[in-house]
């Protein structure tokens, strides 16, 4: 009883490869009888030295369905999909596509079979433009074509799919969120029949996510399929037809989405109950919010190398003992804001004050000495040195300080002890502190960076997308880290595109759009609709914005 029968076709078929997308929603396929899965993974196993990545995993993906794949960081989701897309070869098991056994020697073989993936860690050529990346290796790219035509084709595709990009921009100059949008567009353009998406909505507003979901439903309604990897349980329940959960490299369940709840899925993922409470409430003994700001930005302007404005007259106050959330679609100045308030980017005009002291011209080392910690947007390339040891990465902020160093003498034994202390506080199990940092999973890297930065954040912590790519258990842990600092009297600047996180955690929320602050509001007295309007460029009333920007 597995046949899928089309129930409605409201329009003729349109091609992603030709830039066109469906002009109307043709409806979903419904299960009938007899048809084999579009993709079947049978008994897949994959081993790395000392690690069981996948063990005897079965997965069937039917034509016409969106199949969600859930699991904690390190559960084996990415490895399984890397096998399906030809990046890895399985140590055991087989891949069956349309009833025929397949062996993909490379991703080129997989895409030829109609299987494409948008990876969490991007596969873009950073020296190329967005348009060049979209068309690179695409069979429908004309052999003789100018950059203006490439950019026009890219703009048309982006408009159709409601994923805003800058076709002429160099990928190296884009934020992480903008790069992810380029990846989504690149794969959607290539006629994939099975589309694998790894955290695709991490950089989208709710409205943009809805547009993406609409496009995915149109995509599967023509007999295609989507494998949807996400840690957002609410959107998994909204978009998917069935859900498979991995834990410890093994499949623990495949369920119809209609039979699932967030609580049930969280328990399947981590093997225990997860309590997701409203973290804005303060516990007895927690520090109150200071009357005076601990960090202030006054009409801050930052420019790029050719004089373009990145931050446009930004004014913000962050108080000790509060979490100030920053909302906005990626690429609207959040990255530049974090750089300005950590000494990584000089500002063109305006002032930055810490505890009333002007630190506008201070550098990154000075900010750290002043008590400003920083969890960066890109942990692997900005927060860590991947080739250095775990010990070196853990203690790098305190390398020249006691007890790690005394005068000019470095103390390896004490450095190792400090690294163990930080890892224990972060609940990161490290088999060998001498191994390269890149060998840790993304979730463990993030927790280690967070705990390291919390140690130096005596005044302020700048946390840029700290939960990006983490599973529900790790997100819960990360949010409690920020609350721990807030309750200790530290000011936290919390940047996220997850509105639910911002509402759950922030005392106030400010919204960025095109490098400007559209307004700042008390979380308890606003709603998602108001935040969404500001994210779209609607300025809050000047009186209200000024009052909320710094008043407590």
Protein backbone atom coordinates (compact mmCIF):
# COMPACT_ATOMS: atom_id res chain seq x y z
CA UNK A 1 0.00 0.00 0.00
CA UNK A 2 2.74 2.46 -0.90
CA UNK A 3 1.70 3.79 -4.30
CA UNK A 4 1.44 7.57 -4.61
CA UNK A 5 -1.32 8.87 -6.87
CA UNK A 6 -1.55 12.51 -8.02
CA UNK A 7 -4.75 14.05 -6.69
CA UNK A 8 -4.57 17.39 -8.50
CA UNK A 9 -2.52 19.20 -11.14
CA UNK A 10 -3.48 22.84 -11.38
CA UNK A 11 -0.72 23.83 -13.81
CA UNK A 12 1.67 22.35 -16.32
CA UNK A 13 5.08 21.21 -15.07
CA UNK A 14 7.77 23.89 -14.80
CA UNK A 15 11.52 23.31 -14.63
CA UNK A 16 13.82 24.40 -11.80
CA UNK A 17 16.71 23.95 -14.25
CA UNK A 18 15.24 26.59 -16.54
CA UNK A 19 14.96 29.01 -13.60
CA UNK A 20 11.15 28.73 -13.70
CA UNK A 21 9.26 27.34 -10.71
CA UNK A 22 5.59 26.31 -10.42
CA UNK A 23 3.22 29.22 -10.72
CA UNK A 24 0.59 27.49 -8.60
CA UNK A 25 0.42 24.71 -6.06
CA UNK A 26 -0.58 21.46 -7.81
CA UNK A 27 -1.43 19.59 -4.61
CA UNK A 28 0.13 16.70 -2.72
CA UNK A 29 0.54 13.08 -3.67
CA UNK A 30 -1.41 10.68 -1.48
CA UNK A 31 -0.40 7.09 -0.61
CA UNK A 32 -1.89 4.39 -2.76
CA UNK A 33 -0.43 0.92 -3.38
CA UNK A 34 2.47 -0.88 -4.98
CA UNK A 35 5.12 1.72 -5.88
CA UNK A 36 8.61 1.26 -4.44
CA UNK A 37 10.30 4.01 -2.42
CA UNK A 38 12.01 6.70 -4.44
CA UNK A 39 15.07 6.08 -2.24
CA UNK A 40 15.71 3.13 0.03
CA UNK A 41 18.70 2.80 2.35
CA UNK A 42 19.12 -0.76 3.64
CA UNK A 43 21.38 -1.69 6.56
CA UNK A 44 23.72 1.28 6.13
CA UNK A 45 26.77 1.24 8.41
CA UNK A 46 29.72 3.61 8.51
CA UNK A 47 32.68 3.55 10.87
CA UNK A 48 35.45 6.02 11.57
CA UNK A 49 38.43 5.37 13.89
CA UNK A 50 36.91 4.88 17.33
CA UNK A 51 33.47 6.07 16.18
CA UNK A 52 30.34 4.26 14.99
CA UNK A 53 28.74 6.93 12.80
CA UNK A 54 25.92 4.72 11.45
CA UNK A 55 24.94 1.18 12.43
CA UNK A 56 22.49 -0.87 10.36
CA UNK A 57 20.28 2.11 9.42
CA UNK A 58 17.20 1.60 7.23
CA UNK A 59 15.45 4.58 5.66
CA UNK A 60 12.79 4.73 2.95
CA UNK A 61 11.80 7.99 1.25
CA UNK A 62 8.60 7.89 -0.79
CA UNK A 63 7.77 9.96 -3.84
CA UNK A 64 5.54 12.86 -2.86
CA UNK A 65 6.61 13.12 0.77
CA UNK A 66 8.69 15.39 2.96
CA UNK A 67 10.60 13.08 5.28
CA UNK A 68 12.16 14.73 8.33
CA UNK A 69 15.40 13.36 9.79
CA UNK A 70 16.02 14.20 13.46
CA UNK A 71 18.74 13.49 15.99
CA UNK A 72 21.21 15.11 18.33
CA UNK A 73 24.50 16.52 17.08
CA UNK A 74 26.66 13.50 16.33
CA UNK A 75 23.67 11.15 15.92
CA UNK A 76 24.75 10.27 12.37
CA UNK A 77 22.31 12.33 10.26
CA UNK A 78 24.92 14.11 8.16
CA UNK A 79 26.98 10.95 7.70
CA UNK A 80 23.93 9.07 6.45
CA UNK A 81 23.09 11.81 3.97
CA UNK A 82 26.75 12.09 2.89
CA UNK A 83 26.54 8.39 2.00
CA UNK A 84 23.35 8.95 0.01
CA UNK A 85 24.99 11.84 -1.90
CA UNK A 86 28.23 10.01 -2.70
CA UNK A 87 30.54 11.92 -0.37
CA UNK A 88 31.17 8.80 1.75
CA UNK A 89 31.05 5.14 0.83
CA UNK A 90 29.14 2.85 3.20
CA UNK A 91 31.04 0.11 5.02
CA UNK A 92 27.89 -2.03 4.82
CA UNK A 93 24.42 -1.81 3.31
CA UNK A 94 23.08 -0.62 -0.02
CA UNK A 95 21.36 2.30 -1.71
CA UNK A 96 18.30 1.61 -3.87
CA UNK A 97 16.85 4.31 -6.16
CA UNK A 98 13.61 3.62 -8.06
CA UNK A 99 13.99 -0.07 -7.26
CA UNK A 100 17.56 -0.33 -8.60
CA UNK A 101 20.69 -0.75 -6.47
CA UNK A 102 23.08 2.17 -6.89
CA UNK A 103 26.64 2.97 -5.92
CA UNK A 104 27.59 6.63 -5.98
CA UNK A 105 31.33 7.13 -6.38
CA UNK A 106 30.95 10.90 -6.03
CA UNK A 107 28.33 13.64 -5.61
CA UNK A 108 28.32 13.98 -9.41
CA UNK A 109 26.88 10.45 -9.63
CA UNK A 110 24.26 11.30 -7.00
CA UNK A 111 23.09 14.48 -8.70
CA UNK A 112 22.94 12.61 -12.02
CA UNK A 113 20.55 10.22 -10.27
CA UNK A 114 18.49 13.20 -9.09
CA UNK A 115 19.76 13.47 -5.51
CA UNK A 116 21.01 16.87 -4.31
CA UNK A 117 21.88 18.26 -0.89
CA UNK A 118 22.22 21.65 0.75
CA UNK A 119 24.86 21.09 3.41
CA UNK A 120 25.04 22.77 6.80
CA UNK A 121 28.70 23.54 6.06
CA UNK A 122 28.68 25.17 2.69
CA UNK A 123 30.28 23.90 -0.53
CA UNK A 124 30.70 27.25 -2.25
CA UNK A 125 33.69 28.80 -4.03
CA UNK A 126 34.29 31.86 -1.89
CA UNK A 127 36.29 33.74 -4.55
CA UNK A 128 33.36 33.56 -7.02
CA UNK A 129 30.23 35.69 -7.11
CA UNK A 130 26.82 34.40 -6.11
CA UNK A 131 25.78 34.13 -9.77
CA UNK A 132 28.95 32.24 -10.67
CA UNK A 133 28.38 29.77 -7.84
CA UNK A 134 24.78 29.18 -8.90
CA UNK A 135 25.87 28.38 -12.46
CA UNK A 136 29.13 26.56 -11.75
CA UNK A 137 28.96 22.98 -13.01
CA UNK A 138 25.34 23.39 -14.12
CA UNK A 139 24.56 21.68 -17.42
CA UNK A 140 22.15 24.47 -18.37
CA UNK A 141 24.74 27.22 -18.04
CA UNK A 142 25.35 28.61 -21.55
CA UNK A 143 28.92 28.05 -22.75
CA UNK A 144 29.32 31.68 -23.78
CA UNK A 145 27.72 34.10 -21.36
CA UNK A 146 28.50 37.38 -19.62
CA UNK A 147 28.31 38.21 -15.95
CA UNK A 148 25.26 40.42 -16.43
CA UNK A 149 23.25 37.52 -17.88
CA UNK A 150 24.39 35.18 -15.11
CA UNK A 151 23.31 37.74 -12.55
CA UNK A 152 19.95 38.30 -14.24
CA UNK A 153 19.25 34.54 -14.33
CA UNK A 154 20.22 34.27 -10.66
CA UNK A 155 18.03 37.22 -9.70
CA UNK A 156 15.07 35.64 -11.49
CA UNK A 157 15.53 32.34 -9.67
CA UNK A 158 15.95 34.09 -6.32
CA UNK A 159 12.79 36.13 -6.86
CA UNK A 160 10.77 33.06 -7.83
CA UNK A 161 11.86 31.21 -4.68
CA UNK A 162 11.66 34.27 -2.40
CA UNK A 163 15.26 33.84 -1.20
CA UNK A 164 16.94 37.22 -1.43
CA UNK A 165 20.59 37.16 -2.54
CA UNK A 166 22.97 39.63 -4.19
CA UNK A 167 23.93 38.01 -7.51
CA UNK A 168 27.01 40.19 -8.05
CA UNK A 169 28.38 39.83 -4.49
CA UNK A 170 31.48 37.76 -3.85
CA UNK A 171 30.64 34.79 -1.61
CA UNK A 172 33.59 35.55 0.71
CA UNK A 173 31.92 38.88 1.55
CA UNK A 174 28.57 37.32 2.50
CA UNK A 175 27.35 36.48 5.96
CA UNK A 176 26.79 32.86 6.93
CA UNK A 177 23.05 33.25 6.42
CA UNK A 178 23.43 34.72 2.96
CA UNK A 179 25.76 31.90 1.95
CA UNK A 180 23.17 29.35 3.04
CA UNK A 181 20.59 30.96 0.78
CA UNK A 182 23.00 30.66 -2.15
CA UNK A 183 23.37 26.94 -1.43
CA UNK A 184 19.59 26.45 -1.41
CA UNK A 185 19.23 28.25 -4.73
CA UNK A 186 22.13 26.32 -6.29
CA UNK A 187 20.63 22.91 -5.56
CA UNK A 188 17.04 23.86 -6.39
CA UNK A 189 18.22 24.90 -9.86
CA UNK A 190 19.46 21.41 -10.77
CA UNK A 191 16.32 19.32 -11.25
CA UNK A 192 16.82 17.27 -8.11
CA UNK A 193 14.15 14.61 -7.55
CA UNK A 194 15.31 14.03 -3.97
CA UNK A 195 16.28 17.26 -2.24
CA UNK A 196 18.15 16.98 1.06
CA UNK A 197 18.07 20.13 3.19
CA UNK A 198 20.26 20.45 6.29
CA UNK A 199 18.87 23.21 8.59
CA UNK A 200 17.45 25.19 5.63
CA UNK A 201 15.42 27.73 7.65
CA UNK A 202 18.15 28.79 10.06
CA UNK A 203 18.51 32.14 8.29
CA UNK A 204 14.93 32.84 7.22
CA UNK A 205 12.21 35.00 8.71
CA UNK A 206 8.91 33.24 9.48
CA UNK A 207 7.43 34.68 6.27
CA UNK A 208 10.39 33.47 4.19
CA UNK A 209 10.22 30.05 5.85
CA UNK A 210 6.55 29.83 4.86
CA UNK A 211 7.49 30.65 1.27
CA UNK A 212 10.17 27.95 1.33
CA UNK A 213 7.68 25.44 2.73
CA UNK A 214 5.27 26.36 -0.06
CA UNK A 215 8.00 25.73 -2.65
CA UNK A 216 8.88 22.39 -1.04
CA UNK A 217 5.25 21.26 -1.11
CA UNK A 218 5.05 22.21 -4.77
CA UNK A 219 8.27 20.31 -5.36
CA UNK A 220 7.03 17.06 -3.80
CA UNK A 221 3.57 17.39 -5.34
CA UNK A 222 5.13 16.49 -8.71
CA UNK A 223 6.36 13.15 -7.39
CA UNK A 224 9.65 14.37 -5.95
CA UNK A 225 10.76 13.99 -2.32
CA UNK A 226 12.49 16.06 0.36
CA UNK A 227 14.66 14.87 3.24
CA UNK A 228 14.37 17.68 5.78
CA UNK A 229 17.01 17.82 8.53
CA UNK A 230 16.18 20.31 11.27
CA UNK A 231 16.40 20.89 14.98
CA UNK A 232 13.26 23.04 14.97
CA UNK A 233 10.64 20.59 16.13
CA UNK A 234 7.74 22.94 15.45
CA UNK A 235 8.64 23.35 11.78
CA UNK A 236 9.29 19.61 11.41
CA UNK A 237 5.75 18.96 12.67
CA UNK A 238 4.42 21.60 10.28
CA UNK A 239 6.18 20.58 7.06
CA UNK A 240 6.85 16.83 7.16
CA UNK A 241 4.78 13.74 6.39
CA UNK A 242 6.95 11.24 8.28
CA UNK A 243 9.81 11.57 10.74
CA UNK A 244 12.82 9.31 11.32
CA UNK A 245 14.88 9.75 14.49
CA UNK A 246 18.53 8.69 14.86
CA UNK A 247 20.32 8.34 18.17
CA UNK A 248 23.91 7.24 18.57
CA UNK A 249 24.16 6.34 14.89
CA UNK A 250 21.15 3.98 14.99
CA UNK A 251 17.56 4.45 13.91
CA UNK A 252 15.26 4.51 16.91
CA UNK A 253 11.94 5.29 15.19
CA UNK A 254 10.10 6.22 12.01
CA UNK A 255 6.68 7.72 12.71
CA UNK A 256 3.90 9.48 10.84
CA UNK A 257 4.10 13.17 11.69
CA UNK A 258 0.42 13.21 12.63
CA UNK A 259 1.23 10.81 15.48
CA UNK A 260 4.08 12.94 16.91
CA UNK A 261 4.48 15.84 19.35
CA UNK A 262 7.45 18.06 20.22
CA UNK A 263 7.79 16.40 23.62
CA UNK A 264 7.77 12.92 22.10
CA UNK A 265 10.36 13.82 19.45
CA UNK A 266 12.67 15.48 21.97
CA UNK A 267 12.53 12.37 24.14
CA UNK A 268 13.30 10.10 21.17
CA UNK A 269 16.25 12.28 20.14
CA UNK A 270 18.02 12.49 23.49
CA UNK A 271 16.65 9.46 25.33
CA UNK A 272 15.28 11.52 28.22
CA UNK A 273 12.74 14.23 28.97
CA UNK A 274 13.73 17.78 27.95
CA UNK A 275 12.10 20.63 29.86
CA UNK A 276 11.92 23.78 27.74
CA UNK A 277 10.86 26.53 30.14
CA UNK A 278 10.49 30.28 29.76
CA UNK A 279 13.95 31.48 30.71
CA UNK A 280 13.08 35.17 31.09
CA UNK A 281 11.89 34.48 34.63
CA UNK A 282 14.62 35.20 37.18
CA UNK A 283 15.44 32.89 40.03
CA UNK A 284 15.73 34.13 43.64
CA UNK A 285 19.16 35.66 44.18
CA UNK A 286 19.68 36.60 40.53
CA UNK A 287 21.22 39.99 39.83
CA UNK A 288 18.80 42.76 38.90
CA UNK A 289 19.03 44.91 35.79
CA UNK A 290 21.37 47.85 36.31
CA UNK A 291 20.03 51.39 36.10
CA UNK A 292 22.93 52.53 33.95
CA UNK A 293 24.02 50.66 30.82
CA UNK A 294 27.18 48.57 30.95
CA UNK A 295 27.72 48.90 27.17
CA UNK A 296 26.47 51.75 25.00
CA UNK A 297 26.62 52.46 21.28
CA UNK A 298 25.96 56.07 20.34
CA UNK A 299 25.25 56.85 16.66
CA UNK A 300 27.78 54.26 15.50
CA UNK A 301 28.57 54.23 11.79
CA UNK A 302 30.73 51.55 10.15
CA UNK A 303 31.74 51.45 6.49
CA UNK A 304 33.15 48.84 4.15
CA UNK A 305 36.37 49.20 2.17
CA UNK A 306 34.75 51.28 -0.57
CA UNK A 307 32.80 53.57 1.74
CA UNK A 308 29.46 51.74 1.80
CA UNK A 309 27.53 51.97 5.05
CA UNK A 310 27.37 48.76 7.07
CA UNK A 311 26.10 50.22 10.35
CA UNK A 312 23.91 53.29 10.03
CA UNK A 313 23.72 55.50 13.14
CA UNK A 314 23.27 52.55 15.50
CA UNK A 315 22.42 53.48 19.09
CA UNK A 316 21.89 50.79 21.74
CA UNK A 317 22.20 50.38 25.50
CA UNK A 318 22.94 47.01 27.10
CA UNK A 319 22.43 46.81 30.85
CA UNK A 320 24.15 44.55 33.33
CA UNK A 321 21.87 41.68 34.28
CA UNK A 322 19.79 41.72 31.09
CA UNK A 323 19.69 39.89 27.78
CA UNK A 324 19.18 42.20 24.82
CA UNK A 325 18.10 40.19 21.78
CA UNK A 326 18.88 41.29 18.23
CA UNK A 327 16.41 40.10 15.58
CA UNK A 328 16.68 40.41 11.82
CA UNK A 329 17.29 38.45 8.66
CA UNK A 330 20.95 37.51 8.17
CA UNK A 331 22.99 40.10 6.31
CA UNK A 332 21.36 43.20 7.79
CA UNK A 333 24.33 44.34 9.85
CA UNK A 334 24.36 41.78 12.68
CA UNK A 335 27.85 40.53 11.79
CA UNK A 336 29.22 44.07 11.61
CA UNK A 337 27.56 44.94 14.92
CA UNK A 338 29.30 42.05 16.69
CA UNK A 339 32.59 43.06 15.09
CA UNK A 340 32.19 46.67 16.25
CA UNK A 341 31.43 45.75 19.89
CA UNK A 342 34.32 43.27 20.13
CA UNK A 343 37.03 45.49 18.63
CA UNK A 344 37.26 43.52 15.39
CA UNK A 345 35.99 46.35 13.15
CA UNK A 346 36.95 50.04 13.49
CA UNK A 347 34.01 52.41 13.33
CA UNK A 348 33.80 55.48 11.12
CA UNK A 349 31.98 57.69 13.61
CA UNK A 350 30.08 57.51 16.87
CA UNK A 351 31.06 56.18 20.29
CA UNK A 352 31.23 52.89 22.15
CA UNK A 353 31.21 53.13 25.94
CA UNK A 354 31.89 50.35 28.45
CA UNK A 355 30.83 51.24 31.98
CA UNK A 356 30.82 54.89 30.90
CA UNK A 357 34.42 54.72 29.60
CA UNK A 358 35.07 55.51 25.93
CA UNK A 359 36.57 52.40 24.27
CA UNK A 360 35.78 53.39 20.69
CA UNK A 361 39.35 52.99 19.43
CA UNK A 362 40.22 49.87 21.45
CA UNK A 363 41.20 46.64 19.68
CA UNK A 364 40.04 43.06 20.13
CA UNK A 365 42.67 42.22 22.76
CA UNK A 366 41.65 45.28 24.78
CA UNK A 367 37.96 44.31 24.64
CA UNK A 368 38.79 40.88 26.05
CA UNK A 369 40.83 42.50 28.85
CA UNK A 370 37.91 44.83 29.57
CA UNK A 371 35.66 41.80 30.21
CA UNK A 372 33.90 41.38 26.85
CA UNK A 373 33.48 37.76 25.72
CA UNK A 374 32.47 36.77 22.20
CA UNK A 375 30.74 33.65 20.83
CA UNK A 376 31.19 34.31 17.08
CA UNK A 377 28.80 33.52 14.25
CA UNK A 378 31.25 31.09 12.60
CA UNK A 379 32.71 29.08 15.48
CA UNK A 380 35.01 26.95 13.34
CA UNK A 381 36.79 29.75 11.49
CA UNK A 382 36.36 32.74 13.82
CA UNK A 383 36.18 31.17 17.27
CA UNK A 384 38.61 28.30 16.90
CA UNK A 385 41.89 27.24 15.32
CA UNK A 386 40.77 23.87 13.87
CA UNK A 387 44.28 22.44 13.41
CA UNK A 388 45.45 23.27 16.93
CA UNK A 389 44.84 21.01 19.89
CA UNK A 390 41.75 21.11 22.06
CA UNK A 391 43.93 22.32 24.94
CA UNK A 392 45.27 25.24 22.88
CA UNK A 393 41.78 26.25 21.78
CA UNK A 394 40.33 26.00 25.29
CA UNK A 395 42.96 28.19 26.93
CA UNK A 396 43.73 30.61 24.11
CA UNK A 397 41.94 33.54 25.81
CA UNK A 398 44.00 33.02 29.00
CA UNK A 399 47.26 31.98 27.37
CA UNK A 400 49.27 34.89 28.77
CA UNK A 401 47.56 35.00 32.18
CA UNK A 402 48.03 33.19 35.48
CA UNK A 403 47.99 30.32 36.14
CA UNK A 404 48.75 29.28 32.54
CA UNK A 405 51.69 31.66 32.27
CA UNK A 406 53.97 33.30 34.80
CA UNK A 407 55.97 36.12 33.31
CA UNK A 408 57.45 34.73 30.10
CA UNK A 409 57.14 31.12 31.26
CA UNK A 410 54.34 28.94 29.87
CA UNK A 411 53.10 26.14 32.12
CA UNK A 412 51.85 23.19 30.02
CA UNK A 413 50.62 21.18 33.01
CA UNK A 414 48.47 24.02 34.29
CA UNK A 415 47.27 24.77 30.76
CA UNK A 416 46.10 21.16 30.44
CA UNK A 417 44.36 21.38 33.82
CA UNK A 418 42.53 24.57 32.77
CA UNK A 419 41.46 22.94 29.50
CA UNK A 420 40.00 20.01 31.45
CA UNK A 421 38.17 22.42 33.75
CA UNK A 422 36.59 24.26 30.79
CA UNK A 423 35.63 21.00 29.06
CA UNK A 424 34.02 19.66 32.23
CA UNK A 425 32.03 22.89 32.69
CA UNK A 426 30.88 22.58 29.06
CA UNK A 427 29.96 18.88 29.53
CA UNK A 428 32.27 17.97 26.65
CA UNK A 429 33.83 14.51 26.83
CA UNK A 430 37.33 14.73 25.31
CA UNK A 431 39.20 11.46 24.69
CA UNK A 432 42.49 13.24 23.95
CA UNK A 433 43.13 16.94 24.64
CA UNK A 434 46.07 16.82 22.25
CA UNK A 435 43.93 15.96 19.20
CA UNK A 436 42.97 18.71 16.70
CA UNK A 437 39.93 20.78 17.59
CA UNK A 438 38.30 19.94 14.26
CA UNK A 439 37.85 16.33 15.45
CA UNK A 440 35.14 17.38 17.91
CA UNK A 441 31.52 17.49 16.76
CA UNK A 442 29.99 20.88 16.01
CA UNK A 443 27.90 20.84 19.17
CA UNK A 444 30.91 20.10 21.37
CA UNK A 445 32.92 22.84 19.64
CA UNK A 446 30.13 25.34 20.30
CA UNK A 447 29.77 24.45 23.97
CA UNK A 448 33.54 24.67 24.49
CA UNK A 449 33.71 28.10 22.84
CA UNK A 450 30.77 29.30 24.95
CA UNK A 451 32.31 28.18 28.24
CA UNK A 452 35.69 29.64 27.28
CA UNK A 453 34.14 33.03 26.49
CA UNK A 454 31.98 33.00 29.61
CA UNK A 455 35.14 32.88 31.70
CA UNK A 456 36.34 36.25 30.41
CA UNK A 457 32.88 37.89 30.10
CA UNK A 458 32.91 39.73 33.42
CA UNK A 459 31.04 42.70 31.91
CA UNK A 460 29.41 41.69 28.60
CA UNK A 461 28.96 38.58 26.45
CA UNK A 462 28.35 38.97 22.73
CA UNK A 463 26.60 35.78 21.58
CA UNK A 464 26.04 35.57 17.81
CA UNK A 465 23.72 32.73 16.79
CA UNK A 466 24.99 30.52 19.64
CA UNK A 467 22.44 27.75 19.00
CA UNK A 468 22.84 27.54 15.22
CA UNK A 469 23.16 23.91 14.17
CA UNK A 470 22.62 22.52 17.68
CA UNK A 471 20.09 19.87 18.65
CA UNK A 472 17.26 20.45 21.11
CA UNK A 473 19.25 19.24 24.12
CA UNK A 474 22.33 21.30 23.27
CA UNK A 475 20.20 24.38 22.58
CA UNK A 476 18.61 24.04 26.00
CA UNK A 477 22.09 23.83 27.56
CA UNK A 478 23.32 26.87 25.60
CA UNK A 479 20.34 28.98 26.62
CA UNK A 480 20.96 28.13 30.28
CA UNK A 481 24.57 29.29 29.83
CA UNK A 482 23.32 32.75 28.81
CA UNK A 483 20.83 32.84 31.69
CA UNK A 484 23.62 31.87 34.09
CA UNK A 485 25.65 34.90 32.99
CA UNK A 486 22.63 37.22 33.08
CA UNK A 487 21.79 36.13 36.62
CA UNK A 488 25.40 36.78 37.62
CA UNK A 489 25.03 40.41 36.55
CA UNK A 490 26.60 40.29 33.08
CA UNK A 491 25.02 42.06 30.12
CA UNK A 492 24.31 39.72 27.20
CA UNK A 493 23.89 40.80 23.59
CA UNK A 494 22.10 37.83 22.01
CA UNK A 495 21.82 37.71 18.22
CA UNK A 496 19.48 35.15 16.70
CA UNK A 497 17.15 34.61 13.76
CA UNK A 498 15.02 32.28 15.87
CA UNK A 499 12.14 34.41 17.10
CA UNK A 500 11.03 31.74 19.55
CA UNK A 501 14.49 31.82 21.16
CA UNK A 502 14.45 35.61 21.34
CA UNK A 503 11.03 35.72 22.97
CA UNK A 504 11.92 32.92 25.38
CA UNK A 505 15.20 34.46 26.52
CA UNK A 506 15.44 38.21 25.92
CA UNK A 507 14.37 40.99 28.26
CA UNK A 508 14.27 43.35 25.28
CA UNK A 509 14.45 42.81 21.51
CA UNK A 510 15.96 45.23 18.99
CA UNK A 511 15.54 44.69 15.25
CA UNK A 512 18.14 45.37 12.54
CA UNK A 513 17.36 46.13 8.91
CA UNK A 514 19.92 47.32 6.36
CA UNK A 515 22.37 48.25 9.12
CA UNK A 516 19.86 50.32 11.09
CA UNK A 517 17.95 49.73 14.31
CA UNK A 518 14.26 49.69 13.43
CA UNK A 519 13.28 49.78 17.07
CA UNK A 520 13.74 48.13 20.45
CA UNK A 521 10.86 46.75 22.48
CA UNK A 522 10.21 45.14 25.84
CA UNK A 523 9.70 41.46 25.09
CA UNK A 524 6.78 41.09 27.48
CA UNK A 525 4.82 43.83 25.70
CA UNK A 526 5.36 42.87 22.03
CA UNK A 527 4.50 40.02 19.69
CA UNK A 528 5.90 38.26 16.64
CA UNK A 529 3.83 40.38 14.26
CA UNK A 530 5.41 43.63 15.47
CA UNK A 531 8.91 42.14 15.31
CA UNK A 532 8.17 40.78 11.82
CA UNK A 533 7.12 44.23 10.57
CA UNK A 534 10.38 45.75 11.81
CA UNK A 535 12.36 42.87 10.27
CA UNK A 536 10.74 43.83 6.98
CA UNK A 537 11.92 47.45 7.29
CA UNK A 538 9.09 49.21 9.11
CA UNK A 539 10.48 51.69 11.62
CA UNK A 540 8.90 51.73 15.06
CA UNK A 541 7.70 55.14 16.24
CA UNK A 542 10.64 57.30 17.30
CA UNK A 543 9.33 57.93 20.81
CA UNK A 544 8.63 54.26 21.45
CA UNK A 545 11.92 53.15 19.93
CA UNK A 546 13.98 55.61 21.96
CA UNK A 547 12.19 54.71 25.16
CA UNK A 548 12.70 50.99 24.73
CA UNK A 549 16.25 51.24 23.37
CA UNK A 550 17.73 52.12 26.72
CA UNK A 551 15.07 52.47 29.40
CA UNK A 552 14.45 50.08 32.29
